Amino acid sequence: MKEDNRHQETIQCPVCLSNAFLWLLITLLALPLAGAKGQCVMENNAFLPGERLQMDVYFKWGLIMPKAGNVELLIDNAVNGTRNGNGQNGAAYRYRLLFKTTSMFDHIFKMRDTIDCHYSKEMQLLRSEKRVSEGGKYLVDDLKFTYNEGLTRVRSHRYNLEKTKIDTVLVSEDCMTDMLGATLFLRTHDISAMRVGDVIPFRIAVGRDRVNVRFRYAGQSIVEHGDNVKFKTKRFYMDIFDEAFTETKEAIEVWVSDDGNKIPIKIKAKLKIGSAEVKFRSISGNRHPLTSRIVIPSR
């Protein structure tokens, strides 16, 4: 194992549906930890254990845009006080993502992904475990986080059933998170004070790399959701440096609900394999009323 202090460069990995899906998913709620108190500590006033969010993923080729998969995001109390493997306190919360392709896409590229993020009571990310079954292959990404001396260190261990593929340590003076953990940042960030054009960078640990990402606030927007439902949202552009995208600037657009929950309503991405959209389906166990939802009476 070696200490890896390289500056981020374009990720050198094959472009695949998995990366495309996961980069879409990190934008569900994501923004950096600007303004947080303490090293990678977040203040949570947006959600409670028991929340369940469901979304649908679509891919577009030409004029067709079939449904490609289902996403479920769950927040609950930690299971068995999971530790990060480096002697830190047991976790208090678990944030879980479940993703599976539809029956139609199973014939093209079957995917069953699970990501578990374990947090302390202060909402510091302690460990991320990504278990992937894609196209008949199995892969695990295990990230363990420690915080000391003003640095964030991430032990990155990637392996399959046969061998270890990556075993290294990433170090940053900034707060780092994993792909899924980034989705909690916006929900703990005061976006009410943001102005159009505000740019905020952040960093995500992926394999051997520290991926630089930045968001730009684009203002308020109304998103249609079916025939007679609309949502009041806040819109963001995302610039991301990953091979899965045709363009790094404005690679993704994301609309989050303009209420206390700050949940994703719609996401659009430009990909090398086409384009993709993630659309809100339902939420239960939400901490705040979904006041951003507007129902238009039928005539």
C-alpha atoms as a PDB file:
ATOM      1  CA  MET A   1       0.000   0.000   0.000  1.00  0.00           C
ATOM      2  CA  LYS A   2       1.307   3.490  -0.771  1.00  0.00           C
ATOM      3  CA  GLU A   3       0.373   7.051   0.083  1.00  0.00           C
ATOM      4  CA  ASP A   4      -1.078   8.730  -3.006  1.00  0.00           C
ATOM      5  CA  ASN A   5      -0.805  12.559  -3.044  1.00  0.00           C
ATOM      6  CA  ARG A   6      -1.171  13.154  -6.787  1.00  0.00           C
ATOM      7  CA  HIS A   7      -3.282  15.997  -8.092  1.00  0.00           C
ATOM      8  CA  GLN A   8      -6.458  14.882  -9.834  1.00  0.00           C
ATOM      9  CA  GLU A   9      -6.262  14.039 -13.515  1.00  0.00           C
ATOM     10  CA  THR A  10      -8.818  12.490 -15.835  1.00  0.00           C
ATOM     11  CA  ILE A  11      -9.768   9.052 -14.545  1.00  0.00           C
ATOM     12  CA  GLN A  12      -8.010   6.330 -16.508  1.00  0.00           C
ATOM     13  CA  CYS A  13     -10.696   3.674 -16.563  1.00  0.00           C
ATOM     14  CA  PRO A  14     -12.963   2.196 -19.220  1.00  0.00           C
ATOM     15  CA  VAL A  15     -16.168   4.093 -19.851  1.00  0.00           C
ATOM     16  CA  CYS A  16     -19.077   1.999 -18.636  1.00  0.00           C
ATOM     17  CA  LEU A  17     -22.713   2.288 -17.663  1.00  0.00           C
ATOM     18  CA  SER A  18     -21.779   1.966 -14.001  1.00  0.00           C
ATOM     19  CA  ASN A  19     -19.732   5.179 -13.947  1.00  0.00           C
ATOM     20  CA  ALA A  20     -22.427   6.993 -15.879  1.00  0.00           C
ATOM     21  CA  PHE A  21     -25.117   5.921 -13.403  1.00  0.00           C
ATOM     22  CA  LEU A  22     -23.011   6.696 -10.350  1.00  0.00           C
ATOM     23  CA  TRP A  23     -22.003  10.136 -11.529  1.00  0.00           C
ATOM     24  CA  LEU A  24     -25.668  10.851 -12.084  1.00  0.00           C
ATOM     25  CA  LEU A  25     -26.455   9.650  -8.591  1.00  0.00           C
ATOM     26  CA  ILE A  26     -23.871  11.799  -6.837  1.00  0.00           C
ATOM     27  CA  THR A  27     -25.698  14.836  -8.175  1.00  0.00           C
ATOM     28  CA  LEU A  28     -28.972  13.823  -6.579  1.00  0.00           C
ATOM     29  CA  LEU A  29     -28.396  16.208  -3.705  1.00  0.00           C
ATOM     30  CA  ALA A  30     -24.761  17.149  -3.914  1.00  0.00           C
ATOM     31  CA  LEU A  31     -22.752  20.228  -3.023  1.00  0.00           C
ATOM     32  CA  PRO A  32     -19.487  20.661  -1.127  1.00  0.00           C
ATOM     33  CA  LEU A  33     -18.965  21.070   2.578  1.00  0.00           C
ATOM     34  CA  ALA A  34     -18.421  24.821   2.409  1.00  0.00           C
ATOM     35  CA  GLY A  35     -19.517  26.434   5.626  1.00  0.00           C
ATOM     36  CA  ALA A  36     -19.631  23.220   7.670  1.00  0.00           C
ATOM     37  CA  LYS A  37     -18.344  23.260  11.244  1.00  0.00           C
ATOM     38  CA  GLY A  38     -15.269  21.130  11.897  1.00  0.00           C
ATOM     39  CA  GLN A  39     -13.427  18.798   9.538  1.00  0.00           C
ATOM     40  CA  CYS A  40     -15.964  17.099   7.274  1.00  0.00           C
ATOM     41  CA  VAL A  41     -18.714  17.541   9.866  1.00  0.00           C
ATOM     42  CA  MET A  42     -22.216  18.288   8.576  1.00  0.00           C
ATOM     43  CA  GLU A  43     -25.247  19.783  10.282  1.00  0.00           C
ATOM     44  CA  ASN A  44     -28.397  17.885   9.402  1.00  0.00           C
ATOM     45  CA  ASN A  45     -31.758  19.633   9.450  1.00  0.00           C
ATOM     46  CA  ALA A  46     -33.174  18.087   6.281  1.00  0.00           C
ATOM     47  CA  PHE A  47     -33.746  14.381   6.949  1.00  0.00           C
ATOM     48  CA  LEU A  48     -34.298  11.729   9.611  1.00  0.00           C
ATOM     49  CA  PRO A  49     -33.685   7.969   9.766  1.00  0.00           C
ATOM     50  CA  GLY A  50     -36.546   6.218   7.996  1.00  0.00           C
ATOM     51  CA  GLU A  51     -36.522   8.360   4.871  1.00  0.00           C
ATOM     52  CA  ARG A  52     -36.973   6.454   1.598  1.00  0.00           C
ATOM     53  CA  LEU A  53     -36.521   8.088  -1.811  1.00  0.00           C
ATOM     54  CA  GLN A  54     -37.276   6.358  -5.127  1.00  0.00           C
ATOM     55  CA  MET A  55     -36.229   7.502  -8.590  1.00  0.00           C
ATOM     56  CA  ASP A  56     -36.263   6.239 -12.171  1.00  0.00           C
ATOM     57  CA  VAL A  57     -33.318   6.310 -14.589  1.00  0.00           C
ATOM     58  CA  TYR A  58     -33.749   6.760 -18.358  1.00  0.00           C
ATOM     59  CA  PHE A  59     -31.222   6.599 -21.203  1.00  0.00           C
ATOM     60  CA  LYS A  60     -31.731   8.340 -24.511  1.00  0.00           C
ATOM     61  CA  TRP A  61     -30.504   7.239 -27.942  1.00  0.00           C
ATOM     62  CA  GLY A  62     -31.797   9.377 -30.773  1.00  0.00           C
ATOM     63  CA  LEU A  63     -35.560   9.767 -30.387  1.00  0.00           C
ATOM     64  CA  ILE A  64     -36.116   6.930 -27.922  1.00  0.00           C
ATOM     65  CA  MET A  65     -35.664   7.188 -24.147  1.00  0.00           C
ATOM     66  CA  PRO A  66     -36.497   3.873 -22.432  1.00  0.00           C
ATOM     67  CA  LYS A  67     -36.464   3.381 -18.690  1.00  0.00           C
ATOM     68  CA  ALA A  68     -33.102   1.863 -17.776  1.00  0.00           C
ATOM     69  CA  GLY A  69     -33.245   1.301 -14.031  1.00  0.00           C
ATOM     70  CA  ASN A  70     -34.626   1.996 -10.556  1.00  0.00           C
ATOM     71  CA  VAL A  71     -32.863   3.794  -7.709  1.00  0.00           C
ATOM     72  CA  GLU A  72     -33.734   3.620  -4.022  1.00  0.00           C
ATOM     73  CA  LEU A  73     -32.043   5.785  -1.371  1.00  0.00           C
ATOM     74  CA  LEU A  74     -32.535   4.884   2.300  1.00  0.00           C
ATOM     75  CA  ILE A  75     -31.417   6.540   5.532  1.00  0.00           C
ATOM     76  CA  ASP A  76     -31.557   4.517   8.743  1.00  0.00           C
ATOM     77  CA  ASN A  77     -29.719   3.840  11.987  1.00  0.00           C
ATOM     78  CA  ALA A  78     -26.385   2.057  11.647  1.00  0.00           C
ATOM     79  CA  VAL A  79     -26.276  -1.734  11.696  1.00  0.00           C
ATOM     80  CA  ASN A  80     -24.142  -3.256  14.479  1.00  0.00           C
ATOM     81  CA  GLY A  81     -22.231  -0.021  15.107  1.00  0.00           C
ATOM     82  CA  THR A  82     -20.112  -0.396  11.966  1.00  0.00           C
ATOM     83  CA  ARG A  83     -16.549   0.922  12.307  1.00  0.00           C
ATOM     84  CA  ASN A  84     -14.312   2.389   9.651  1.00  0.00           C
ATOM     85  CA  GLY A  85     -11.522  -0.134  10.245  1.00  0.00           C
ATOM     86  CA  ASN A  86      -9.125   2.484  11.643  1.00  0.00           C
ATOM     87  CA  GLY A  87     -10.225   2.485  15.263  1.00  0.00           C
ATOM     88  CA  GLN A  88     -12.725   5.337  15.038  1.00  0.00           C
ATOM     89  CA  ASN A  89     -16.022   5.371  16.883  1.00  0.00           C
ATOM     90  CA  GLY A  90     -18.877   3.220  15.695  1.00  0.00           C
ATOM     91  CA  ALA A  91     -21.238   4.663  13.118  1.00  0.00           C
ATOM     92  CA  ALA A  92     -24.622   6.072  14.071  1.00  0.00           C
ATOM     93  CA  TYR A  93     -26.270   6.271  10.637  1.00  0.00           C
ATOM     94  CA  ARG A  94     -26.310   4.273   7.425  1.00  0.00           C
ATOM     95  CA  TYR A  95     -27.070   5.835   4.045  1.00  0.00           C
ATOM     96  CA  ARG A  96     -27.831   3.145   1.442  1.00  0.00           C
ATOM     97  CA  LEU A  97     -28.247   3.157  -2.327  1.00  0.00           C
ATOM     98  CA  LEU A  98     -29.832   0.254  -4.200  1.00  0.00           C
ATOM     99  CA  PHE A  99     -29.766   0.272  -7.994  1.00  0.00           C
ATOM    100  CA  LYS A 100     -30.942  -2.279 -10.530  1.00  0.00           C
ATOM    101  CA  THR A 101     -31.520  -2.202 -14.252  1.00  0.00           C
ATOM    102  CA  THR A 102     -34.936  -2.936 -15.719  1.00  0.00           C
ATOM    103  CA  SER A 103     -35.734  -6.293 -17.293  1.00  0.00           C
ATOM    104  CA  MET A 104     -35.147  -4.827 -20.770  1.00  0.00           C
ATOM    105  CA  PHE A 105     -31.691  -3.502 -19.866  1.00  0.00           C
ATOM    106  CA  ASP A 106     -30.824  -6.732 -18.086  1.00  0.00           C
ATOM    107  CA  HIS A 107     -30.439  -8.276 -21.546  1.00  0.00           C
ATOM    108  CA  ILE A 108     -27.991  -5.507 -22.540  1.00  0.00           C
ATOM    109  CA  PHE A 109     -25.971  -4.974 -19.367  1.00  0.00           C
ATOM    110  CA  LYS A 110     -27.390  -6.319 -16.111  1.00  0.00           C
ATOM    111  CA  MET A 111     -26.496  -4.232 -13.053  1.00  0.00           C
ATOM    112  CA  ARG A 112     -27.186  -4.716  -9.343  1.00  0.00           C
ATOM    113  CA  ASP A 113     -25.339  -2.121  -7.257  1.00  0.00           C
ATOM    114  CA  THR A 114     -25.382  -1.474  -3.507  1.00  0.00           C
ATOM    115  CA  ILE A 115     -23.547   1.327  -1.699  1.00  0.00           C
ATOM    116  CA  ASP A 116     -23.521   1.730   2.089  1.00  0.00           C
ATOM    117  CA  CYS A 117     -22.180   4.902   3.721  1.00  0.00           C
ATOM    118  CA  HIS A 118     -21.635   4.822   7.483  1.00  0.00           C
ATOM    119  CA  TYR A 119     -21.675   8.102   9.438  1.00  0.00           C
ATOM    120  CA  SER A 120     -20.852   9.196  12.975  1.00  0.00           C
ATOM    121  CA  LYS A 121     -23.340  11.142  15.102  1.00  0.00           C
ATOM    122  CA  GLU A 122     -21.631  14.305  13.816  1.00  0.00           C
ATOM    123  CA  MET A 123     -22.323  13.129  10.253  1.00  0.00           C
ATOM    124  CA  GLN A 124     -18.663  12.470   9.463  1.00  0.00           C
ATOM    125  CA  LEU A 125     -18.321   9.789   6.788  1.00  0.00           C
ATOM    126  CA  LEU A 126     -16.429   6.846   8.307  1.00  0.00           C
ATOM    127  CA  ARG A 127     -16.726   4.154   5.661  1.00  0.00           C
ATOM    128  CA  SER A 128     -18.173   3.551   2.201  1.00  0.00           C
ATOM    129  CA  GLU A 129     -18.746   0.057   0.815  1.00  0.00           C
ATOM    130  CA  LYS A 130     -19.756  -0.293  -2.817  1.00  0.00           C
ATOM    131  CA  ARG A 131     -20.682  -3.787  -4.020  1.00  0.00           C
ATOM    132  CA  VAL A 132     -21.222  -4.080  -7.745  1.00  0.00           C
ATOM    133  CA  SER A 133     -22.546  -6.905  -9.890  1.00  0.00           C
ATOM    134  CA  GLU A 134     -22.388  -5.805 -13.534  1.00  0.00           C
ATOM    135  CA  GLY A 135     -22.432  -7.829 -16.697  1.00  0.00           C
ATOM    136  CA  GLY A 136     -21.738 -11.016 -14.740  1.00  0.00           C
ATOM    137  CA  LYS A 137     -18.707  -9.527 -12.914  1.00  0.00           C
ATOM    138  CA  TYR A 138     -18.438  -8.714  -9.198  1.00  0.00           C
ATOM    139  CA  LEU A 139     -16.398  -5.851  -7.705  1.00  0.00           C
ATOM    140  CA  VAL A 140     -16.038  -4.226  -4.271  1.00  0.00           C
ATOM    141  CA  ASP A 141     -14.830  -0.701  -3.484  1.00  0.00           C
ATOM    142  CA  ASP A 142     -14.104  -0.224   0.230  1.00  0.00           C
ATOM    143  CA  LEU A 143     -13.196   3.306   1.395  1.00  0.00           C
ATOM    144  CA  LYS A 144     -12.197   4.028   5.017  1.00  0.00           C
ATOM    145  CA  PHE A 145     -11.993   7.640   6.186  1.00  0.00           C
ATOM    146  CA  THR A 146      -9.888   9.194   8.974  1.00  0.00           C
ATOM    147  CA  TYR A 147      -9.565  12.830  10.023  1.00  0.00           C
ATOM    148  CA  ASN A 148      -6.600  14.285  11.887  1.00  0.00           C
ATOM    149  CA  GLU A 149      -4.075  17.129  11.766  1.00  0.00           C
ATOM    150  CA  GLY A 150      -6.289  19.023   9.349  1.00  0.00           C
ATOM    151  CA  LEU A 151      -6.099  16.255   6.737  1.00  0.00           C
ATOM    152  CA  THR A 152      -8.596  13.771   5.330  1.00  0.00           C
ATOM    153  CA  ARG A 153      -7.128  10.343   4.581  1.00  0.00           C
ATOM    154  CA  VAL A 154      -8.975   7.682   2.610  1.00  0.00           C
ATOM    155  CA  ARG A 155      -7.835   4.047   2.479  1.00  0.00           C
ATOM    156  CA  SER A 156      -9.049   2.903  -0.931  1.00  0.00           C
ATOM    157  CA  HIS A 157      -9.295  -0.861  -1.431  1.00  0.00           C
ATOM    158  CA  ARG A 158     -10.777  -2.270  -4.633  1.00  0.00           C
ATOM    159  CA  TYR A 159     -11.002  -6.008  -5.221  1.00  0.00           C
ATOM    160  CA  ASN A 160     -12.942  -8.801  -6.901  1.00  0.00           C
ATOM    161  CA  LEU A 161     -13.259 -12.481  -6.085  1.00  0.00           C
ATOM    162  CA  GLU A 162      -9.816 -13.233  -7.549  1.00  0.00           C
ATOM    163  CA  LYS A 163      -7.475 -10.393  -6.570  1.00  0.00           C
ATOM    164  CA  THR A 164      -6.870  -6.908  -5.194  1.00  0.00           C
ATOM    165  CA  LYS A 165      -6.955  -4.257  -7.909  1.00  0.00           C
ATOM    166  CA  ILE A 166      -6.257  -1.117  -5.830  1.00  0.00           C
ATOM    167  CA  ASP A 167      -4.858  -0.663  -2.326  1.00  0.00           C
ATOM    168  CA  THR A 168      -3.720   2.909  -1.665  1.00  0.00           C
ATOM    169  CA  VAL A 169      -4.249   5.979   0.511  1.00  0.00           C
ATOM    170  CA  LEU A 170      -5.556   9.302  -0.762  1.00  0.00           C
ATOM    171  CA  VAL A 171      -4.740  12.440   1.233  1.00  0.00           C
ATOM    172  CA  SER A 172      -6.287  15.889   0.998  1.00  0.00           C
ATOM    173  CA  GLU A 173      -6.289  19.128   2.969  1.00  0.00           C
ATOM    174  CA  ASP A 174      -9.903  19.473   1.861  1.00  0.00           C
ATOM    175  CA  CYS A 175     -12.790  17.307   2.900  1.00  0.00           C
ATOM    176  CA  MET A 176     -13.235  14.277   0.649  1.00  0.00           C
ATOM    177  CA  THR A 177     -16.238  12.024   0.298  1.00  0.00           C
ATOM    178  CA  ASP A 178     -17.272   9.041  -1.784  1.00  0.00           C
ATOM    179  CA  MET A 179     -19.711   9.185  -4.694  1.00  0.00           C
ATOM    180  CA  LEU A 180     -22.812   8.500  -2.646  1.00  0.00           C
ATOM    181  CA  GLY A 181     -21.750  10.444   0.443  1.00  0.00           C
ATOM    182  CA  ALA A 182     -21.515  13.566  -1.687  1.00  0.00           C
ATOM    183  CA  THR A 183     -25.277  13.446  -2.079  1.00  0.00           C
ATOM    184  CA  LEU A 184     -25.805  14.552   1.522  1.00  0.00           C
ATOM    185  CA  PHE A 185     -23.848  17.781   1.147  1.00  0.00           C
ATOM    186  CA  LEU A 186     -26.553  19.897  -0.435  1.00  0.00           C
ATOM    187  CA  ARG A 187     -29.053  18.799   2.170  1.00  0.00           C
ATOM    188  CA  THR A 188     -26.796  20.138   4.913  1.00  0.00           C
ATOM    189  CA  HIS A 189     -25.829  23.295   3.042  1.00  0.00           C
ATOM    190  CA  ASP A 190     -27.668  26.632   3.208  1.00  0.00           C
ATOM    191  CA  ILE A 191     -28.480  27.145  -0.464  1.00  0.00           C
ATOM    192  CA  SER A 192     -30.894  29.984   0.307  1.00  0.00           C
ATOM    193  CA  ALA A 193     -27.983  32.441   0.371  1.00  0.00           C
ATOM    194  CA  MET A 194     -26.578  31.377  -3.004  1.00  0.00           C
ATOM    195  CA  ARG A 195     -26.632  33.778  -5.946  1.00  0.00           C
ATOM    196  CA  VAL A 196     -26.790  32.932  -9.634  1.00  0.00           C
ATOM    197  CA  GLY A 197     -23.284  32.182 -10.853  1.00  0.00           C
ATOM    198  CA  ASP A 198     -21.872  31.104  -7.474  1.00  0.00           C
ATOM    199  CA  VAL A 199     -19.256  28.370  -7.973  1.00  0.00           C
ATOM    200  CA  ILE A 200     -18.284  25.865  -5.280  1.00  0.00           C
ATOM    201  CA  PRO A 201     -15.702  23.071  -5.808  1.00  0.00           C
ATOM    202  CA  PHE A 202     -15.431  19.759  -4.000  1.00  0.00           C
ATOM    203  CA  ARG A 203     -13.589  16.459  -4.209  1.00  0.00           C
ATOM    204  CA  ILE A 204     -14.585  12.788  -4.399  1.00  0.00           C
ATOM    205  CA  ALA A 205     -12.419   9.721  -3.802  1.00  0.00           C
ATOM    206  CA  VAL A 206     -12.678   7.213  -6.678  1.00  0.00           C
ATOM    207  CA  GLY A 207     -10.189   4.344  -6.819  1.00  0.00           C
ATOM    208  CA  ARG A 208      -6.712   5.912  -7.023  1.00  0.00           C
ATOM    209  CA  ASP A 209      -8.061   9.345  -7.861  1.00  0.00           C
ATOM    210  CA  ARG A 210      -9.368  12.450  -6.172  1.00  0.00           C
ATOM    211  CA  VAL A 211     -11.936  13.742  -8.625  1.00  0.00           C
ATOM    212  CA  ASN A 212     -12.428  17.499  -8.804  1.00  0.00           C
ATOM    213  CA  VAL A 213     -16.033  18.608  -9.264  1.00  0.00           C
ATOM    214  CA  ARG A 214     -17.643  22.035  -9.192  1.00  0.00           C
ATOM    215  CA  PHE A 215     -21.201  23.313  -9.060  1.00  0.00           C
ATOM    216  CA  ARG A 216     -22.637  26.553 -10.405  1.00  0.00           C
ATOM    217  CA  TYR A 217     -25.957  27.864  -9.182  1.00  0.00           C
ATOM    218  CA  ALA A 218     -28.310  28.744 -12.065  1.00  0.00           C
ATOM    219  CA  GLY A 219     -31.319  30.093 -10.154  1.00  0.00           C
ATOM    220  CA  GLN A 220     -34.902  29.027  -9.487  1.00  0.00           C
ATOM    221  CA  SER A 221     -36.871  26.921 -11.957  1.00  0.00           C
ATOM    222  CA  ILE A 222     -40.241  25.164 -12.347  1.00  0.00           C
ATOM    223  CA  VAL A 223     -40.099  21.479 -13.334  1.00  0.00           C
ATOM    224  CA  GLU A 224     -43.143  19.674 -14.745  1.00  0.00           C
ATOM    225  CA  HIS A 225     -43.842  16.253 -13.257  1.00  0.00           C
ATOM    226  CA  GLY A 226     -46.689  14.578 -15.103  1.00  0.00           C
ATOM    227  CA  ASP A 227     -49.802  16.213 -16.464  1.00  0.00           C
ATOM    228  CA  ASN A 228     -50.910  18.230 -13.457  1.00  0.00           C
ATOM    229  CA  VAL A 229     -47.964  18.350 -11.048  1.00  0.00           C
ATOM    230  CA  LYS A 230     -45.078  20.818 -10.958  1.00  0.00           C
ATOM    231  CA  PHE A 231     -42.185  21.401  -8.567  1.00  0.00           C
ATOM    232  CA  LYS A 232     -40.525  24.623  -7.481  1.00  0.00           C
ATOM    233  CA  THR A 233     -36.792  23.892  -7.684  1.00  0.00           C
ATOM    234  CA  LYS A 234     -33.305  25.326  -7.545  1.00  0.00           C
ATOM    235  CA  ARG A 235     -31.179  24.519 -10.586  1.00  0.00           C
ATOM    236  CA  PHE A 236     -27.452  23.750 -10.681  1.00  0.00           C
ATOM    237  CA  TYR A 237     -24.876  23.068 -13.387  1.00  0.00           C
ATOM    238  CA  MET A 238     -22.170  20.547 -12.610  1.00  0.00           C
ATOM    239  CA  ASP A 239     -18.694  20.502 -14.159  1.00  0.00           C
ATOM    240  CA  ILE A 240     -17.076  17.106 -13.710  1.00  0.00           C
ATOM    241  CA  PHE A 241     -13.846  15.587 -14.973  1.00  0.00           C
ATOM    242  CA  ASP A 242     -14.561  11.968 -15.860  1.00  0.00           C
ATOM    243  CA  GLU A 243     -14.294   9.976 -19.093  1.00  0.00           C
ATOM    244  CA  ALA A 244     -17.963   8.966 -18.959  1.00  0.00           C
ATOM    245  CA  PHE A 245     -19.012  12.428 -20.142  1.00  0.00           C
ATOM    246  CA  THR A 246     -18.774  14.015 -23.572  1.00  0.00           C
ATOM    247  CA  GLU A 247     -18.180  17.452 -22.030  1.00  0.00           C
ATOM    248  CA  THR A 248     -16.726  18.357 -18.645  1.00  0.00           C
ATOM    249  CA  LYS A 249     -18.370  21.790 -18.495  1.00  0.00           C
ATOM    250  CA  GLU A 250     -22.081  21.625 -17.744  1.00  0.00           C
ATOM    251  CA  ALA A 251     -21.863  17.823 -17.969  1.00  0.00           C
ATOM    252  CA  ILE A 252     -24.879  17.579 -15.690  1.00  0.00           C
ATOM    253  CA  GLU A 253     -27.884  19.698 -14.760  1.00  0.00           C
ATOM    254  CA  VAL A 254     -29.717  19.030 -11.520  1.00  0.00           C
ATOM    255  CA  TRP A 255     -32.952  20.438 -10.091  1.00  0.00           C
ATOM    256  CA  VAL A 256     -33.564  20.066  -6.313  1.00  0.00           C
ATOM    257  CA  SER A 257     -36.809  20.793  -4.489  1.00  0.00           C
ATOM    258  CA  ASP A 258     -37.083  24.327  -3.149  1.00  0.00           C
ATOM    259  CA  ASP A 259     -38.160  23.287   0.358  1.00  0.00           C
ATOM    260  CA  GLY A 260     -36.640  21.974   3.573  1.00  0.00           C
ATOM    261  CA  ASN A 261     -36.044  18.475   2.159  1.00  0.00           C
ATOM    262  CA  LYS A 262     -33.854  19.537  -0.797  1.00  0.00           C
ATOM    263  CA  ILE A 263     -34.492  16.308  -2.698  1.00  0.00           C
ATOM    264  CA  PRO A 264     -33.671  15.681  -6.385  1.00  0.00           C
ATOM    265  CA  ILE A 265     -36.550  16.213  -8.777  1.00  0.00           C
ATOM    266  CA  LYS A 266     -34.763  15.901 -12.118  1.00  0.00           C
ATOM    267  CA  ILE A 267     -31.219  15.305 -13.433  1.00  0.00           C
ATOM    268  CA  LYS A 268     -29.921  15.466 -17.015  1.00  0.00           C
ATOM    269  CA  ALA A 269     -26.487  14.335 -18.200  1.00  0.00           C
ATOM    270  CA  LYS A 270     -24.530  14.352 -21.450  1.00  0.00           C
ATOM    271  CA  LEU A 271     -22.693  11.030 -21.818  1.00  0.00           C
ATOM    272  CA  LYS A 272     -20.440   9.480 -24.427  1.00  0.00           C
ATOM    273  CA  ILE A 273     -22.979   6.695 -24.766  1.00  0.00           C
ATOM    274  CA  GLY A 274     -25.875   9.141 -25.288  1.00  0.00           C
ATOM    275  CA  SER A 275     -27.689  11.104 -22.604  1.00  0.00           C
ATOM    276  CA  ALA A 276     -29.485  10.201 -19.414  1.00  0.00           C
ATOM    277  CA  GLU A 277     -32.159  11.481 -17.051  1.00  0.00           C
ATOM    278  CA  VAL A 278     -33.049  10.659 -13.469  1.00  0.00           C
ATOM    279  CA  LYS A 279     -36.575  11.531 -12.385  1.00  0.00           C
ATOM    280  CA  PHE A 280     -38.171  11.701  -8.942  1.00  0.00           C
ATOM    281  CA  ARG A 281     -40.859   9.089  -8.318  1.00  0.00           C
ATOM    282  CA  SER A 282     -41.766   9.151  -4.620  1.00  0.00           C
ATOM    283  CA  ILE A 283     -40.591   9.856  -1.079  1.00  0.00           C
ATOM    284  CA  SER A 284     -41.726   8.608   2.341  1.00  0.00           C
ATOM    285  CA  GLY A 285     -40.511   9.358   5.844  1.00  0.00           C
ATOM    286  CA  ASN A 286     -39.498  12.868   4.815  1.00  0.00           C
ATOM    287  CA  ARG A 287     -38.726  15.269   7.660  1.00  0.00           C
ATOM    288  CA  HIS A 288     -40.440  18.304   6.116  1.00  0.00           C
ATOM    289  CA  PRO A 289     -43.627  18.722   4.063  1.00  0.00           C
ATOM    290  CA  LEU A 290     -43.020  18.658   0.325  1.00  0.00           C
ATOM    291  CA  THR A 291     -44.115  22.276  -0.080  1.00  0.00           C
ATOM    292  CA  SER A 292     -42.337  22.611  -3.428  1.00  0.00           C
ATOM    293  CA  ARG A 293     -44.951  20.328  -5.004  1.00  0.00           C
ATOM    294  CA  ILE A 294     -47.703  22.158  -6.897  1.00  0.00           C
ATOM    295  CA  VAL A 295     -50.840  20.346  -8.012  1.00  0.00           C
ATOM    296  CA  ILE A 296     -52.742  21.935 -10.895  1.00  0.00           C
ATOM    297  CA  PRO A 297     -56.508  21.214 -10.605  1.00  0.00           C
ATOM    298  CA  SER A 298     -57.928  19.260 -13.526  1.00  0.00           C
ATOM    299  CA  ARG A 299     -60.411  21.131 -15.707  1.00  0.00           C
END
